[in-house]
Amino acid sequence: MKILNLSPRPSIETNPKLSKQFNSLQSLLEAIGKKEVPEEQLKKINEIIGGINVFAGTDPELIKALKAGQSIFIKLLEKELKIVPQNHYQTLWMVLGMSAFGVPLGVAFGAVTGNMALLGIGLPIGMAIGIGVGTGMDTKAKNEGRQLEWKSS
């Protein structure tokens, strides 16, 4: 089974936001097509694409539908097939590092020095830790062949 293509609309030429989102989703579908995806997941993907192709809403609603479809595809591939886009884990772990490591470190610095103004010093430290962990996980996914040749925009 082959992945369906998105149906272009005339308003894509005149609406830059719609054009950007349309091209982003189309490039994601092309990247998915290069991977070996089981029939069950291809059916789910094609059902969503079919719904987007017959969508009759306004341009802003279509942009939301394209974003939602893109998000669904990424989650489906990650949960069921362990396939992720480039820099997926780095982005995810940057936020986790800031909240899980950065805030507690900042509180600790503030408490030790007696100056809670140092609370913010932990955020960049946590961000660096998160980026390091995420980059390692992205490298592992790439070495195992579980990474899409697609960067989210």
Protein backbone atom coordinates (compact mmCIF):
# COMPACT_ATOMS: atom_id res chain seq x y z
CA MET A 1 0.00 0.00 0.00
CA LYS A 2 1.22 3.47 -0.85
CA ILE A 3 0.73 6.70 1.09
CA LEU A 4 -1.78 9.06 -0.50
CA ASN A 5 -0.71 12.54 -1.55
CA LEU A 6 -2.31 15.71 -0.27
CA SER A 7 -4.64 17.41 -2.71
CA PRO A 8 -3.39 20.92 -3.50
CA ARG A 9 -5.81 23.83 -3.24
CA PRO A 10 -5.82 27.10 -5.15
CA SER A 11 -5.46 29.15 -1.95
CA ILE A 12 -2.07 27.56 -1.22
CA GLU A 13 -0.48 29.89 -3.78
CA THR A 14 -1.86 33.02 -2.10
CA ASN A 15 -1.62 32.08 1.61
CA PRO A 16 2.00 31.73 2.80
CA LYS A 17 1.06 30.16 6.16
CA LEU A 18 -1.08 27.54 4.45
CA SER A 19 1.64 26.91 1.88
CA LYS A 20 4.28 26.41 4.58
CA GLN A 21 2.14 23.97 6.57
CA PHE A 22 1.03 22.11 3.43
CA ASN A 23 4.65 21.70 2.27
CA SER A 24 5.76 20.62 5.73
CA LEU A 25 3.12 17.89 5.91
CA GLN A 26 3.82 16.80 2.34
CA SER A 27 7.55 16.47 3.09
CA LEU A 28 6.71 14.45 6.23
CA LEU A 29 4.59 12.09 4.14
CA GLU A 30 7.45 11.70 1.66
CA ALA A 31 9.84 10.88 4.52
CA ILE A 32 7.38 8.32 5.90
CA GLY A 33 7.11 6.79 2.42
CA LYS A 34 10.86 6.09 2.47
CA LYS A 35 10.49 3.96 5.62
CA GLU A 36 9.00 0.50 5.81
CA VAL A 37 5.67 1.07 7.51
CA PRO A 38 3.25 -1.82 8.18
CA GLU A 39 -0.11 -1.91 6.38
CA GLU A 40 -2.10 -1.17 9.55
CA GLN A 41 -0.33 2.15 10.13
CA LEU A 42 -0.48 3.02 6.42
CA LYS A 43 -4.26 2.58 6.52
CA LYS A 44 -4.51 4.96 9.49
CA ILE A 45 -2.29 7.51 7.75
CA ASN A 46 -4.28 7.28 4.50
CA GLU A 47 -7.59 7.70 6.38
CA ILE A 48 -6.33 10.94 7.91
CA ILE A 49 -4.99 12.17 4.57
CA GLY A 50 -8.33 11.35 2.96
CA GLY A 51 -10.08 13.44 5.61
CA ILE A 52 -7.73 16.36 5.01
CA ASN A 53 -8.18 16.09 1.24
CA VAL A 54 -11.97 16.41 1.48
CA PHE A 55 -11.84 19.10 4.20
CA ALA A 56 -14.11 21.98 3.18
CA GLY A 57 -13.31 24.59 5.84
CA THR A 58 -11.61 27.96 5.61
CA ASP A 59 -7.85 28.41 5.23
CA PRO A 60 -7.19 28.93 8.98
CA GLU A 61 -9.22 25.80 9.74
CA LEU A 62 -7.29 23.89 7.09
CA ILE A 63 -3.98 25.02 8.65
CA LYS A 64 -5.19 23.63 11.99
CA ALA A 65 -6.23 20.38 10.31
CA LEU A 66 -2.82 20.06 8.63
CA LYS A 67 -1.02 20.68 11.94
CA ALA A 68 -3.26 18.16 13.72
CA GLY A 69 -2.61 15.56 11.02
CA GLN A 70 1.14 16.13 11.25
CA SER A 71 1.03 15.75 15.02
CA ILE A 72 -1.02 12.55 14.75
CA PHE A 73 1.43 11.05 12.23
CA ILE A 74 4.44 11.81 14.44
CA LYS A 75 2.77 10.36 17.53
CA LEU A 76 1.62 7.28 15.62
CA LEU A 77 5.10 6.58 14.30
CA GLU A 78 6.74 7.23 17.66
CA LYS A 79 4.39 5.11 19.77
CA GLU A 80 3.77 2.19 17.43
CA LEU A 81 6.99 1.97 15.40
CA LYS A 82 9.53 3.94 17.48
CA ILE A 83 10.31 6.09 14.42
CA VAL A 84 10.98 9.76 15.19
CA PRO A 85 11.83 12.92 13.20
CA GLN A 86 15.26 14.51 13.37
CA ASN A 87 15.95 16.35 16.65
CA HIS A 88 12.73 14.97 18.21
CA TYR A 89 14.33 13.82 21.45
CA GLN A 90 16.54 16.90 21.66
CA THR A 91 13.49 19.18 21.57
CA LEU A 92 11.58 17.01 24.02
CA TRP A 93 14.42 16.66 26.50
CA MET A 94 15.36 20.35 26.38
CA VAL A 95 12.01 21.20 27.97
CA LEU A 96 12.20 18.26 30.36
CA GLY A 97 15.73 19.22 31.39
CA MET A 98 14.69 22.78 32.15
CA SER A 99 11.76 21.67 34.29
CA ALA A 100 13.12 18.49 35.88
CA PHE A 101 16.73 19.56 36.45
CA GLY A 102 16.88 23.33 35.99
CA VAL A 103 14.22 24.47 38.42
CA PRO A 104 15.41 22.23 41.30
CA LEU A 105 19.03 23.28 40.70
CA GLY A 106 18.00 26.93 40.68
CA VAL A 107 16.09 26.50 43.93
CA ALA A 108 19.11 24.75 45.45
CA PHE A 109 21.44 27.58 44.37
CA GLY A 110 19.02 30.13 45.72
CA ALA A 111 18.60 28.34 49.04
CA VAL A 112 22.34 27.77 49.55
CA THR A 113 23.26 31.38 48.82
CA GLY A 114 20.20 32.85 50.51
CA ASN A 115 19.46 34.79 47.34
CA MET A 116 16.41 33.46 45.48
CA ALA A 117 17.31 35.72 42.56
CA LEU A 118 19.61 32.86 41.51
CA LEU A 119 16.57 30.70 40.79
CA GLY A 120 16.95 31.41 37.08
CA ILE A 121 20.55 30.18 36.95
CA GLY A 122 19.37 26.57 37.00
CA LEU A 123 17.32 26.87 33.79
CA PRO A 124 20.24 27.08 31.34
CA ILE A 125 22.01 24.29 33.23
CA GLY A 126 18.91 22.10 32.97
CA MET A 127 18.52 23.04 29.31
CA ALA A 128 22.10 21.95 28.59
CA ILE A 129 21.55 18.65 30.41
CA GLY A 130 18.31 18.06 28.49
CA ILE A 131 19.87 18.88 25.13
CA GLY A 132 22.74 16.51 25.90
CA VAL A 133 20.42 13.64 26.81
CA GLY A 134 18.15 14.32 23.81
CA THR A 135 21.05 14.52 21.37
CA GLY A 136 22.29 11.17 22.64
CA MET A 137 18.86 9.62 22.12
CA ASP A 138 18.59 11.15 18.62
CA THR A 139 22.00 9.74 17.72
CA LYS A 140 20.96 6.32 18.98
CA ALA A 141 17.73 6.46 16.94
CA LYS A 142 19.68 7.45 13.84
CA ASN A 143 22.19 4.62 14.30
CA GLU A 144 19.33 2.15 14.70
CA GLY A 145 17.64 3.44 11.52
CA ARG A 146 14.61 4.75 13.43
CA GLN A 147 14.92 8.38 12.35
CA LEU A 148 12.95 10.07 9.59
CA GLU A 149 14.81 12.27 7.17
CA TRP A 150 12.54 15.17 8.10
CA LYS A 151 12.88 18.16 10.41
CA SER A 152 9.79 19.78 11.85
CA SER A 153 9.45 23.43 11.00
